[in-house]
């Protein structure tokens, strides 16, 4: 086992890199940041093992949390889940603190990605209880969002998802937390789309696109373009839906964004009404056209489609 001084020095360097990557991973240089994290993977693992052997729960949980974008990559998710569970199991990690709750919430996300849905819900509900005890409204809101993902994408219960998203969004509006409000609008819009209420979804998704564009969050723009696609499908705008879905797919692929298969299946199901309106040749043509759109062009198309939903839906 390494000396505590050696471990501390490596920990400081690792946390600095992980923190910078977590901030940069949602912008245009996501691929660069992810490559840097992957290049340091073995060093991270060695450091985490040393921290575990020292029983250093707090720094171990902090580093594993900062490395979340690495663990969300499919080939590393099981590993990240294992590290979190081992640190959460340490005696020093048993106090019901915000740090423990954050670890539980992230562990729940990894469990979801791995298809362990019951465990994901258990972990997230435990995290929610601790956050409530600690009086952390922003963290409560995000955990509610995550429970909404389980209800909507996994169970197909978009009514329950809507309730979770609305509760979280209300908390973030009270806290005036703009970034979280944007995520909340995007999530709530997805729930409305799942409920067949495209006209209600449209202004929420449109505003999320505007906010993500203003922040330069290309990662979230790529995700919300797909949300715009399923809303367009619900509005009867089949051609726009296919173009936007293709633009989203291209953007997410370029950034190396991975996601649980159950999420992909849910979105494919919500896009199906658009596909049913088009023959295979038209679908192929529209998909090719969508892949040619720049990110800004795709966002402009989405905003135009979402601008008058009640008219288009009629």
C-alpha atoms as a PDB file:
ATOM      1  CA  UNK A   1       0.000   0.000   0.000  1.00  0.00           C
ATOM      2  CA  UNK A   2       1.322   3.428  -0.918  1.00  0.00           C
ATOM      3  CA  UNK A   3       2.095   6.113   1.663  1.00  0.00           C
ATOM      4  CA  UNK A   4      -0.670   8.537   2.548  1.00  0.00           C
ATOM      5  CA  UNK A   5       1.415  11.431   1.203  1.00  0.00           C
ATOM      6  CA  UNK A   6       1.879   9.716  -2.157  1.00  0.00           C
ATOM      7  CA  UNK A   7      -1.809   8.872  -2.364  1.00  0.00           C
ATOM      8  CA  UNK A   8      -2.803  12.434  -1.464  1.00  0.00           C
ATOM      9  CA  UNK A   9      -0.612  13.920  -4.192  1.00  0.00           C
ATOM     10  CA  UNK A  10      -2.034  11.541  -6.797  1.00  0.00           C
ATOM     11  CA  UNK A  11      -5.532  12.210  -5.524  1.00  0.00           C
ATOM     12  CA  UNK A  12      -5.182  15.963  -5.968  1.00  0.00           C
ATOM     13  CA  UNK A  13      -3.950  15.546  -9.547  1.00  0.00           C
ATOM     14  CA  UNK A  14      -6.645  12.995 -10.393  1.00  0.00           C
ATOM     15  CA  UNK A  15      -9.446  15.128  -8.946  1.00  0.00           C
ATOM     16  CA  UNK A  16      -8.223  18.185 -10.836  1.00  0.00           C
ATOM     17  CA  UNK A  17      -8.301  16.290 -14.141  1.00  0.00           C
ATOM     18  CA  UNK A  18     -11.630  14.610 -13.387  1.00  0.00           C
ATOM     19  CA  UNK A  19     -13.245  17.881 -12.355  1.00  0.00           C
ATOM     20  CA  UNK A  20     -12.043  19.661 -15.490  1.00  0.00           C
ATOM     21  CA  UNK A  21     -13.242  16.798 -17.665  1.00  0.00           C
ATOM     22  CA  UNK A  22     -16.656  16.751 -16.014  1.00  0.00           C
ATOM     23  CA  UNK A  23     -17.064  20.422 -16.869  1.00  0.00           C
ATOM     24  CA  UNK A  24     -15.678  20.082 -20.386  1.00  0.00           C
ATOM     25  CA  UNK A  25     -17.432  16.855 -21.331  1.00  0.00           C
ATOM     26  CA  UNK A  26     -20.649  18.653 -22.268  1.00  0.00           C
ATOM     27  CA  UNK A  27     -19.034  20.998 -24.769  1.00  0.00           C
ATOM     28  CA  UNK A  28     -17.484  20.694 -28.205  1.00  0.00           C
ATOM     29  CA  UNK A  29     -14.282  19.100 -26.850  1.00  0.00           C
ATOM     30  CA  UNK A  30     -16.049  16.173 -25.196  1.00  0.00           C
ATOM     31  CA  UNK A  31     -14.148  13.613 -27.264  1.00  0.00           C
ATOM     32  CA  UNK A  32     -10.809  15.088 -26.208  1.00  0.00           C
ATOM     33  CA  UNK A  33     -11.758  15.016 -22.547  1.00  0.00           C
ATOM     34  CA  UNK A  34     -13.053  11.459 -22.751  1.00  0.00           C
ATOM     35  CA  UNK A  35      -9.826  10.351 -24.448  1.00  0.00           C
ATOM     36  CA  UNK A  36      -7.829  11.899 -21.624  1.00  0.00           C
ATOM     37  CA  UNK A  37      -9.889  10.076 -19.025  1.00  0.00           C
ATOM     38  CA  UNK A  38      -9.516   6.767 -20.851  1.00  0.00           C
ATOM     39  CA  UNK A  39      -5.752   7.283 -21.099  1.00  0.00           C
ATOM     40  CA  UNK A  40      -5.610   7.681 -17.306  1.00  0.00           C
ATOM     41  CA  UNK A  41      -7.962   4.794 -16.559  1.00  0.00           C
ATOM     42  CA  UNK A  42      -5.335   2.466 -15.092  1.00  0.00           C
ATOM     43  CA  UNK A  43      -3.932   5.237 -12.912  1.00  0.00           C
ATOM     44  CA  UNK A  44      -7.421   6.047 -11.632  1.00  0.00           C
ATOM     45  CA  UNK A  45      -8.024   2.384 -10.822  1.00  0.00           C
ATOM     46  CA  UNK A  46      -4.727   2.086  -8.965  1.00  0.00           C
ATOM     47  CA  UNK A  47      -5.481   5.202  -6.940  1.00  0.00           C
ATOM     48  CA  UNK A  48      -8.997   4.068  -6.100  1.00  0.00           C
ATOM     49  CA  UNK A  49      -7.627   0.739  -4.880  1.00  0.00           C
ATOM     50  CA  UNK A  50      -5.150   2.549  -2.626  1.00  0.00           C
ATOM     51  CA  UNK A  51      -7.922   4.743  -1.225  1.00  0.00           C
ATOM     52  CA  UNK A  52     -10.074   1.688  -0.621  1.00  0.00           C
ATOM     53  CA  UNK A  53      -7.272  -0.070   1.254  1.00  0.00           C
ATOM     54  CA  UNK A  54      -6.863   3.034   3.430  1.00  0.00           C
ATOM     55  CA  UNK A  55     -10.601   3.068   4.144  1.00  0.00           C
ATOM     56  CA  UNK A  56     -10.692   6.605   2.729  1.00  0.00           C
ATOM     57  CA  UNK A  57     -14.410   6.789   2.021  1.00  0.00           C
ATOM     58  CA  UNK A  58     -14.796  10.524   1.484  1.00  0.00           C
ATOM     59  CA  UNK A  59     -12.025  11.052  -1.098  1.00  0.00           C
ATOM     60  CA  UNK A  60     -12.915   7.748  -2.739  1.00  0.00           C
ATOM     61  CA  UNK A  61     -16.546   8.732  -3.166  1.00  0.00           C
ATOM     62  CA  UNK A  62     -15.543  12.180  -4.380  1.00  0.00           C
ATOM     63  CA  UNK A  63     -13.197  10.842  -7.062  1.00  0.00           C
ATOM     64  CA  UNK A  64     -15.596   8.145  -8.261  1.00  0.00           C
ATOM     65  CA  UNK A  65     -18.308  10.800  -8.556  1.00  0.00           C
ATOM     66  CA  UNK A  66     -16.058  13.159 -10.512  1.00  0.00           C
ATOM     67  CA  UNK A  67     -15.263  10.305 -12.915  1.00  0.00           C
ATOM     68  CA  UNK A  68     -18.926   9.719 -13.717  1.00  0.00           C
ATOM     69  CA  UNK A  69     -18.637  10.505 -17.430  1.00  0.00           C
ATOM     70  CA  UNK A  70     -16.007   7.780 -17.746  1.00  0.00           C
ATOM     71  CA  UNK A  71     -18.205   5.281 -15.891  1.00  0.00           C
ATOM     72  CA  UNK A  72     -21.220   6.176 -18.036  1.00  0.00           C
ATOM     73  CA  UNK A  73     -19.337   4.813 -21.046  1.00  0.00           C
ATOM     74  CA  UNK A  74     -20.821   1.348 -21.532  1.00  0.00           C
ATOM     75  CA  UNK A  75     -17.534  -0.556 -21.278  1.00  0.00           C
ATOM     76  CA  UNK A  76     -16.722   1.049 -17.906  1.00  0.00           C
ATOM     77  CA  UNK A  77     -20.170   1.185 -16.269  1.00  0.00           C
ATOM     78  CA  UNK A  78     -19.914  -2.116 -14.392  1.00  0.00           C
ATOM     79  CA  UNK A  79     -16.507  -1.087 -13.075  1.00  0.00           C
ATOM     80  CA  UNK A  80     -17.740   2.306 -11.914  1.00  0.00           C
ATOM     81  CA  UNK A  81     -20.720   0.660 -10.239  1.00  0.00           C
ATOM     82  CA  UNK A  82     -18.409  -1.734  -8.411  1.00  0.00           C
ATOM     83  CA  UNK A  83     -16.117   1.052  -7.182  1.00  0.00           C
ATOM     84  CA  UNK A  84     -19.055   3.054  -5.865  1.00  0.00           C
ATOM     85  CA  UNK A  85     -20.580   0.088  -4.051  1.00  0.00           C
ATOM     86  CA  UNK A  86     -17.239  -0.728  -2.417  1.00  0.00           C
ATOM     87  CA  UNK A  87     -16.722   2.827  -1.166  1.00  0.00           C
ATOM     88  CA  UNK A  88     -20.344   3.104  -0.042  1.00  0.00           C
ATOM     89  CA  UNK A  89     -19.816  -0.089   1.960  1.00  0.00           C
ATOM     90  CA  UNK A  90     -16.908   1.313   3.988  1.00  0.00           C
ATOM     91  CA  UNK A  91     -17.654   2.006   7.684  1.00  0.00           C
ATOM     92  CA  UNK A  92     -16.704   5.672   7.214  1.00  0.00           C
ATOM     93  CA  UNK A  93     -19.332   6.049   4.463  1.00  0.00           C
ATOM     94  CA  UNK A  94     -22.356   5.029   6.529  1.00  0.00           C
ATOM     95  CA  UNK A  95     -23.281   8.489   7.860  1.00  0.00           C
ATOM     96  CA  UNK A  96     -26.342   9.879   6.081  1.00  0.00           C
ATOM     97  CA  UNK A  97     -24.549  12.759   4.384  1.00  0.00           C
ATOM     98  CA  UNK A  98     -25.003  14.528   1.095  1.00  0.00           C
ATOM     99  CA  UNK A  99     -21.857  12.809  -0.211  1.00  0.00           C
ATOM    100  CA  UNK A 100     -23.294   9.372   0.547  1.00  0.00           C
ATOM    101  CA  UNK A 101     -26.571  10.344  -1.094  1.00  0.00           C
ATOM    102  CA  UNK A 102     -24.758  11.533  -4.228  1.00  0.00           C
ATOM    103  CA  UNK A 103     -22.922   8.229  -4.375  1.00  0.00           C
ATOM    104  CA  UNK A 104     -26.157   6.293  -4.001  1.00  0.00           C
ATOM    105  CA  UNK A 105     -27.835   8.324  -6.732  1.00  0.00           C
ATOM    106  CA  UNK A 106     -24.950   7.737  -9.135  1.00  0.00           C
ATOM    107  CA  UNK A 107     -24.858   4.046  -8.233  1.00  0.00           C
ATOM    108  CA  UNK A 108     -28.546   3.940  -9.092  1.00  0.00           C
ATOM    109  CA  UNK A 109     -27.795   5.477 -12.481  1.00  0.00           C
ATOM    110  CA  UNK A 110     -25.167   2.826 -13.201  1.00  0.00           C
ATOM    111  CA  UNK A 111     -27.564   0.096 -12.073  1.00  0.00           C
ATOM    112  CA  UNK A 112     -30.143   1.477 -14.509  1.00  0.00           C
ATOM    113  CA  UNK A 113     -27.620   1.474 -17.352  1.00  0.00           C
ATOM    114  CA  UNK A 114     -26.742  -2.124 -16.509  1.00  0.00           C
ATOM    115  CA  UNK A 115     -30.403  -3.153 -16.561  1.00  0.00           C
ATOM    116  CA  UNK A 116     -30.704  -3.658 -12.786  1.00  0.00           C
ATOM    117  CA  UNK A 117     -33.901  -1.626 -12.508  1.00  0.00           C
ATOM    118  CA  UNK A 118     -35.096  -2.728  -9.067  1.00  0.00           C
ATOM    119  CA  UNK A 119     -31.694  -1.989  -7.560  1.00  0.00           C
ATOM    120  CA  UNK A 120     -31.591   1.340  -9.383  1.00  0.00           C
ATOM    121  CA  UNK A 121     -34.880   2.403  -7.821  1.00  0.00           C
ATOM    122  CA  UNK A 122     -33.845   1.225  -4.353  1.00  0.00           C
ATOM    123  CA  UNK A 123     -30.578   3.164  -4.505  1.00  0.00           C
ATOM    124  CA  UNK A 124     -32.207   6.320  -5.825  1.00  0.00           C
ATOM    125  CA  UNK A 125     -35.012   6.227  -3.275  1.00  0.00           C
ATOM    126  CA  UNK A 126     -32.454   5.895  -0.480  1.00  0.00           C
ATOM    127  CA  UNK A 127     -30.533   8.831  -1.941  1.00  0.00           C
ATOM    128  CA  UNK A 128     -33.729  10.884  -2.120  1.00  0.00           C
ATOM    129  CA  UNK A 129     -34.479  10.243   1.542  1.00  0.00           C
ATOM    130  CA  UNK A 130     -31.016  11.389   2.627  1.00  0.00           C
ATOM    131  CA  UNK A 131     -31.109  14.496   0.442  1.00  0.00           C
ATOM    132  CA  UNK A 132     -34.440  15.400   2.028  1.00  0.00           C
ATOM    133  CA  UNK A 133     -32.988  14.930   5.509  1.00  0.00           C
ATOM    134  CA  UNK A 134     -30.055  17.160   4.545  1.00  0.00           C
ATOM    135  CA  UNK A 135     -32.327  19.829   3.050  1.00  0.00           C
ATOM    136  CA  UNK A 136     -30.699  19.874  -0.404  1.00  0.00           C
ATOM    137  CA  UNK A 137     -33.392  21.011  -2.879  1.00  0.00           C
ATOM    138  CA  UNK A 138     -31.246  20.922  -6.030  1.00  0.00           C
ATOM    139  CA  UNK A 139     -30.043  17.398  -5.306  1.00  0.00           C
ATOM    140  CA  UNK A 140     -33.602  16.341  -4.427  1.00  0.00           C
ATOM    141  CA  UNK A 141     -34.765  17.693  -7.788  1.00  0.00           C
ATOM    142  CA  UNK A 142     -32.155  15.819  -9.792  1.00  0.00           C
ATOM    143  CA  UNK A 143     -32.906  12.566  -7.981  1.00  0.00           C
ATOM    144  CA  UNK A 144     -36.594  13.070  -8.770  1.00  0.00           C
ATOM    145  CA  UNK A 145     -35.625  13.508 -12.416  1.00  0.00           C
ATOM    146  CA  UNK A 146     -33.729  10.228 -12.284  1.00  0.00           C
ATOM    147  CA  UNK A 147     -36.703   8.434 -10.761  1.00  0.00           C
ATOM    148  CA  UNK A 148     -38.755   9.933 -13.582  1.00  0.00           C
ATOM    149  CA  UNK A 149     -36.390   8.325 -16.098  1.00  0.00           C
ATOM    150  CA  UNK A 150     -37.006   4.957 -14.463  1.00  0.00           C
ATOM    151  CA  UNK A 151     -40.771   5.430 -14.609  1.00  0.00           C
ATOM    152  CA  UNK A 152     -40.895   6.734 -18.175  1.00  0.00           C
ATOM    153  CA  UNK A 153     -38.140   5.075 -20.161  1.00  0.00           C
ATOM    154  CA  UNK A 154     -38.049   1.772 -18.283  1.00  0.00           C
ATOM    155  CA  UNK A 155     -41.670   1.211 -17.273  1.00  0.00           C
ATOM    156  CA  UNK A 156     -43.376   3.277 -19.975  1.00  0.00           C
ATOM    157  CA  UNK A 157     -45.308   5.097 -17.248  1.00  0.00           C
ATOM    158  CA  UNK A 158     -45.030   8.657 -18.533  1.00  0.00           C
ATOM    159  CA  UNK A 159     -47.763   9.898 -16.190  1.00  0.00           C
ATOM    160  CA  UNK A 160     -45.621   8.938 -13.187  1.00  0.00           C
ATOM    161  CA  UNK A 161     -42.555  10.374 -14.938  1.00  0.00           C
ATOM    162  CA  UNK A 162     -44.416  13.650 -15.446  1.00  0.00           C
ATOM    163  CA  UNK A 163     -45.124  13.868 -11.704  1.00  0.00           C
ATOM    164  CA  UNK A 164     -41.471  13.312 -10.815  1.00  0.00           C
ATOM    165  CA  UNK A 165     -40.308  15.859 -13.390  1.00  0.00           C
ATOM    166  CA  UNK A 166     -42.838  18.473 -12.279  1.00  0.00           C
ATOM    167  CA  UNK A 167     -41.854  18.085  -8.624  1.00  0.00           C
ATOM    168  CA  UNK A 168     -38.174  18.462  -9.495  1.00  0.00           C
ATOM    169  CA  UNK A 169     -38.786  21.410 -11.797  1.00  0.00           C
ATOM    170  CA  UNK A 170     -40.786  23.231  -9.119  1.00  0.00           C
ATOM    171  CA  UNK A 171     -37.894  22.860  -6.657  1.00  0.00           C
ATOM    172  CA  UNK A 172     -35.364  24.159  -9.163  1.00  0.00           C
ATOM    173  CA  UNK A 173     -37.538  27.126 -10.047  1.00  0.00           C
ATOM    174  CA  UNK A 174     -37.790  27.958  -6.340  1.00  0.00           C
ATOM    175  CA  UNK A 175     -33.993  27.724  -6.126  1.00  0.00           C
ATOM    176  CA  UNK A 176     -33.603  29.823  -9.339  1.00  0.00           C
ATOM    177  CA  UNK A 177     -31.191  27.179 -10.656  1.00  0.00           C
ATOM    178  CA  UNK A 178     -31.205  27.926 -14.369  1.00  0.00           C
ATOM    179  CA  UNK A 179     -29.228  24.924 -15.629  1.00  0.00           C
ATOM    180  CA  UNK A 180     -31.449  22.534 -13.697  1.00  0.00           C
ATOM    181  CA  UNK A 181     -34.585  24.312 -14.890  1.00  0.00           C
ATOM    182  CA  UNK A 182     -33.450  23.717 -18.470  1.00  0.00           C
ATOM    183  CA  UNK A 183     -32.969  19.997 -17.813  1.00  0.00           C
ATOM    184  CA  UNK A 184     -36.349  19.914 -16.093  1.00  0.00           C
ATOM    185  CA  UNK A 185     -38.120  21.465 -19.071  1.00  0.00           C
ATOM    186  CA  UNK A 186     -36.459  18.970 -21.415  1.00  0.00           C
ATOM    187  CA  UNK A 187     -37.474  16.061 -19.180  1.00  0.00           C
ATOM    188  CA  UNK A 188     -41.032  17.268 -18.715  1.00  0.00           C
ATOM    189  CA  UNK A 189     -41.381  17.813 -22.454  1.00  0.00           C
ATOM    190  CA  UNK A 190     -40.306  14.210 -23.007  1.00  0.00           C
ATOM    191  CA  UNK A 191     -42.974  12.996 -20.568  1.00  0.00           C
ATOM    192  CA  UNK A 192     -45.662  15.001 -22.375  1.00  0.00           C
ATOM    193  CA  UNK A 193     -44.505  13.522 -25.681  1.00  0.00           C
ATOM    194  CA  UNK A 194     -44.766  10.056 -24.157  1.00  0.00           C
ATOM    195  CA  UNK A 195     -48.308  10.877 -23.045  1.00  0.00           C
ATOM    196  CA  UNK A 196     -49.270  11.918 -26.573  1.00  0.00           C
ATOM    197  CA  UNK A 197     -49.453  15.598 -25.617  1.00  0.00           C
ATOM    198  CA  UNK A 198     -47.073  16.929 -28.274  1.00  0.00           C
ATOM    199  CA  UNK A 199     -48.567  20.440 -28.219  1.00  0.00           C
ATOM    200  CA  UNK A 200     -47.728  20.723 -24.509  1.00  0.00           C
ATOM    201  CA  UNK A 201     -44.288  19.242 -25.045  1.00  0.00           C
ATOM    202  CA  UNK A 202     -43.298  21.598 -27.867  1.00  0.00           C
ATOM    203  CA  UNK A 203     -42.706  24.870 -25.931  1.00  0.00           C
ATOM    204  CA  UNK A 204     -40.762  23.035 -23.218  1.00  0.00           C
ATOM    205  CA  UNK A 205     -38.429  21.347 -25.682  1.00  0.00           C
ATOM    206  CA  UNK A 206     -38.052  24.564 -27.679  1.00  0.00           C
ATOM    207  CA  UNK A 207     -37.018  26.530 -24.596  1.00  0.00           C
ATOM    208  CA  UNK A 208     -34.566  23.823 -23.561  1.00  0.00           C
ATOM    209  CA  UNK A 209     -32.954  24.021 -27.008  1.00  0.00           C
ATOM    210  CA  UNK A 210     -32.613  27.795 -26.728  1.00  0.00           C
ATOM    211  CA  UNK A 211     -31.043  27.526 -23.285  1.00  0.00           C
ATOM    212  CA  UNK A 212     -28.639  24.742 -24.245  1.00  0.00           C
ATOM    213  CA  UNK A 213     -27.583  26.715 -27.319  1.00  0.00           C
ATOM    214  CA  UNK A 214     -26.979  29.790 -25.171  1.00  0.00           C
ATOM    215  CA  UNK A 215     -24.812  27.733 -22.805  1.00  0.00           C
ATOM    216  CA  UNK A 216     -22.906  26.071 -25.653  1.00  0.00           C
ATOM    217  CA  UNK A 217     -23.901  22.628 -24.344  1.00  0.00           C
ATOM    218  CA  UNK A 218     -23.557  20.607 -27.539  1.00  0.00           C
ATOM    219  CA  UNK A 219     -24.011  17.361 -25.593  1.00  0.00           C
ATOM    220  CA  UNK A 220     -27.453  18.387 -24.363  1.00  0.00           C
ATOM    221  CA  UNK A 221     -28.355  19.963 -27.694  1.00  0.00           C
ATOM    222  CA  UNK A 222     -27.832  16.570 -29.306  1.00  0.00           C
ATOM    223  CA  UNK A 223     -30.141  14.950 -26.773  1.00  0.00           C
ATOM    224  CA  UNK A 224     -32.840  17.602 -27.099  1.00  0.00           C
ATOM    225  CA  UNK A 225     -32.808  17.358 -30.888  1.00  0.00           C
ATOM    226  CA  UNK A 226     -34.035  13.807 -30.437  1.00  0.00           C
ATOM    227  CA  UNK A 227     -36.704  15.082 -28.062  1.00  0.00           C
ATOM    228  CA  UNK A 228     -37.707  17.572 -30.754  1.00  0.00           C
ATOM    229  CA  UNK A 229     -37.915  14.676 -33.212  1.00  0.00           C
ATOM    230  CA  UNK A 230     -40.421  12.717 -31.134  1.00  0.00           C
ATOM    231  CA  UNK A 231     -42.481  15.870 -30.578  1.00  0.00           C
ATOM    232  CA  UNK A 232     -42.477  16.491 -34.331  1.00  0.00           C
ATOM    233  CA  UNK A 233     -43.677  12.915 -34.785  1.00  0.00           C
ATOM    234  CA  UNK A 234     -46.503  13.590 -32.346  1.00  0.00           C
ATOM    235  CA  UNK A 235     -47.412  16.751 -34.239  1.00  0.00           C
ATOM    236  CA  UNK A 236     -47.712  14.839 -37.486  1.00  0.00           C
ATOM    237  CA  UNK A 237     -44.544  16.400 -38.915  1.00  0.00           C
ATOM    238  CA  UNK A 238     -43.085  13.110 -40.100  1.00  0.00           C
ATOM    239  CA  UNK A 239     -40.424  14.460 -42.459  1.00  0.00           C
ATOM    240  CA  UNK A 240     -39.067  16.911 -39.891  1.00  0.00           C
ATOM    241  CA  UNK A 241     -39.109  14.162 -37.265  1.00  0.00           C
ATOM    242  CA  UNK A 242     -36.873  11.899 -39.356  1.00  0.00           C
ATOM    243  CA  UNK A 243     -34.460  14.705 -40.225  1.00  0.00           C
ATOM    244  CA  UNK A 244     -34.164  15.756 -36.578  1.00  0.00           C
ATOM    245  CA  UNK A 245     -33.715  12.187 -35.365  1.00  0.00           C
ATOM    246  CA  UNK A 246     -30.900  11.724 -37.875  1.00  0.00           C
ATOM    247  CA  UNK A 247     -29.260  15.012 -36.896  1.00  0.00           C
ATOM    248  CA  UNK A 248     -29.414  13.984 -33.246  1.00  0.00           C
ATOM    249  CA  UNK A 249     -27.968  10.560 -33.998  1.00  0.00           C
ATOM    250  CA  UNK A 250     -25.077  12.086 -35.933  1.00  0.00           C
ATOM    251  CA  UNK A 251     -24.350  14.623 -33.203  1.00  0.00           C
ATOM    252  CA  UNK A 252     -24.441  12.061 -30.399  1.00  0.00           C
ATOM    253  CA  UNK A 253     -22.270   9.643 -32.367  1.00  0.00           C
ATOM    254  CA  UNK A 254     -19.706  12.357 -33.077  1.00  0.00           C
ATOM    255  CA  UNK A 255     -19.480  13.126 -29.364  1.00  0.00           C
ATOM    256  CA  UNK A 256     -19.354   9.477 -28.359  1.00  0.00           C
ATOM    257  CA  UNK A 257     -22.500   9.675 -26.237  1.00  0.00           C
ATOM    258  CA  UNK A 258     -23.625   6.300 -24.934  1.00  0.00           C
ATOM    259  CA  UNK A 259     -26.928   5.496 -23.266  1.00  0.00           C
ATOM    260  CA  UNK A 260     -28.910   2.543 -21.907  1.00  0.00           C
ATOM    261  CA  UNK A 261     -30.528   0.423 -24.618  1.00  0.00           C
ATOM    262  CA  UNK A 262     -33.896   0.906 -22.916  1.00  0.00           C
ATOM    263  CA  UNK A 263     -33.651   4.663 -23.573  1.00  0.00           C
ATOM    264  CA  UNK A 264     -32.924   4.072 -27.264  1.00  0.00           C
ATOM    265  CA  UNK A 265     -35.873   1.697 -27.493  1.00  0.00           C
ATOM    266  CA  UNK A 266     -38.221   4.179 -25.837  1.00  0.00           C
ATOM    267  CA  UNK A 267     -37.259   6.963 -28.239  1.00  0.00           C
ATOM    268  CA  UNK A 268     -37.552   4.614 -31.237  1.00  0.00           C
ATOM    269  CA  UNK A 269     -41.073   3.728 -30.114  1.00  0.00           C
ATOM    270  CA  UNK A 270     -42.035   7.408 -29.850  1.00  0.00           C
ATOM    271  CA  UNK A 271     -40.609   8.069 -33.321  1.00  0.00           C
ATOM    272  CA  UNK A 272     -42.544   5.183 -34.859  1.00  0.00           C
ATOM    273  CA  UNK A 273     -45.664   7.263 -35.784  1.00  0.00           C
ATOM    274  CA  UNK A 274     -43.476   9.324 -38.113  1.00  0.00           C
ATOM    275  CA  UNK A 275     -41.935   6.245 -39.706  1.00  0.00           C
ATOM    276  CA  UNK A 276     -45.385   4.761 -40.344  1.00  0.00           C
ATOM    277  CA  UNK A 277     -46.286   7.790 -42.459  1.00  0.00           C
ATOM    278  CA  UNK A 278     -43.310   7.300 -44.779  1.00  0.00           C
ATOM    279  CA  UNK A 279     -42.161   4.579 -47.122  1.00  0.00           C
ATOM    280  CA  UNK A 280     -38.679   3.109 -46.723  1.00  0.00           C
ATOM    281  CA  UNK A 281     -37.216   5.126 -49.586  1.00  0.00           C
ATOM    282  CA  UNK A 282     -38.491   8.386 -48.104  1.00  0.00           C
ATOM    283  CA  UNK A 283     -37.168   7.435 -44.671  1.00  0.00           C
ATOM    284  CA  UNK A 284     -33.702   6.767 -46.096  1.00  0.00           C
ATOM    285  CA  UNK A 285     -33.702  10.057 -48.003  1.00  0.00           C
ATOM    286  CA  UNK A 286     -34.828  12.102 -45.005  1.00  0.00           C
ATOM    287  CA  UNK A 287     -32.354  10.389 -42.707  1.00  0.00           C
ATOM    288  CA  UNK A 288     -29.529  11.205 -45.109  1.00  0.00           C
ATOM    289  CA  UNK A 289     -30.692  14.820 -45.276  1.00  0.00           C
ATOM    290  CA  UNK A 290     -30.745  15.020 -41.487  1.00  0.00           C
ATOM    291  CA  UNK A 291     -27.175  13.781 -41.175  1.00  0.00           C
ATOM    292  CA  UNK A 292     -26.059  16.631 -43.441  1.00  0.00           C
ATOM    293  CA  UNK A 293     -27.433  19.312 -41.125  1.00  0.00           C
ATOM    294  CA  UNK A 294     -24.997  21.199 -38.937  1.00  0.00           C
ATOM    295  CA  UNK A 295     -25.867  21.443 -35.266  1.00  0.00           C
ATOM    296  CA  UNK A 296     -27.081  25.027 -35.648  1.00  0.00           C
ATOM    297  CA  UNK A 297     -29.120  24.161 -38.737  1.00  0.00           C
ATOM    298  CA  UNK A 298     -30.765  21.260 -36.935  1.00  0.00           C
ATOM    299  CA  UNK A 299     -31.629  23.436 -33.926  1.00  0.00           C
ATOM    300  CA  UNK A 300     -33.148  26.051 -36.270  1.00  0.00           C
ATOM    301  CA  UNK A 301     -35.259  23.367 -37.932  1.00  0.00           C
ATOM    302  CA  UNK A 302     -36.405  22.088 -34.545  1.00  0.00           C
ATOM    303  CA  UNK A 303     -37.354  25.547 -33.305  1.00  0.00           C
ATOM    304  CA  UNK A 304     -39.336  26.211 -36.470  1.00  0.00           C
ATOM    305  CA  UNK A 305     -41.245  22.923 -36.131  1.00  0.00           C
ATOM    306  CA  UNK A 306     -41.951  23.530 -32.445  1.00  0.00           C
ATOM    307  CA  UNK A 307     -42.979  27.163 -32.858  1.00  0.00           C
ATOM    308  CA  UNK A 308     -46.667  26.616 -33.708  1.00  0.00           C
ATOM    309  CA  UNK A 309     -47.548  23.191 -32.352  1.00  0.00           C
ATOM    310  CA  UNK A 310     -51.289  23.730 -31.998  1.00  0.00           C
ATOM    311  CA  UNK A 311     -51.614  24.709 -35.658  1.00  0.00           C
ATOM    312  CA  UNK A 312     -49.430  21.846 -36.889  1.00  0.00           C
ATOM    313  CA  UNK A 313     -51.141  19.295 -34.686  1.00  0.00           C
ATOM    314  CA  UNK A 314     -54.498  20.323 -36.085  1.00  0.00           C
END
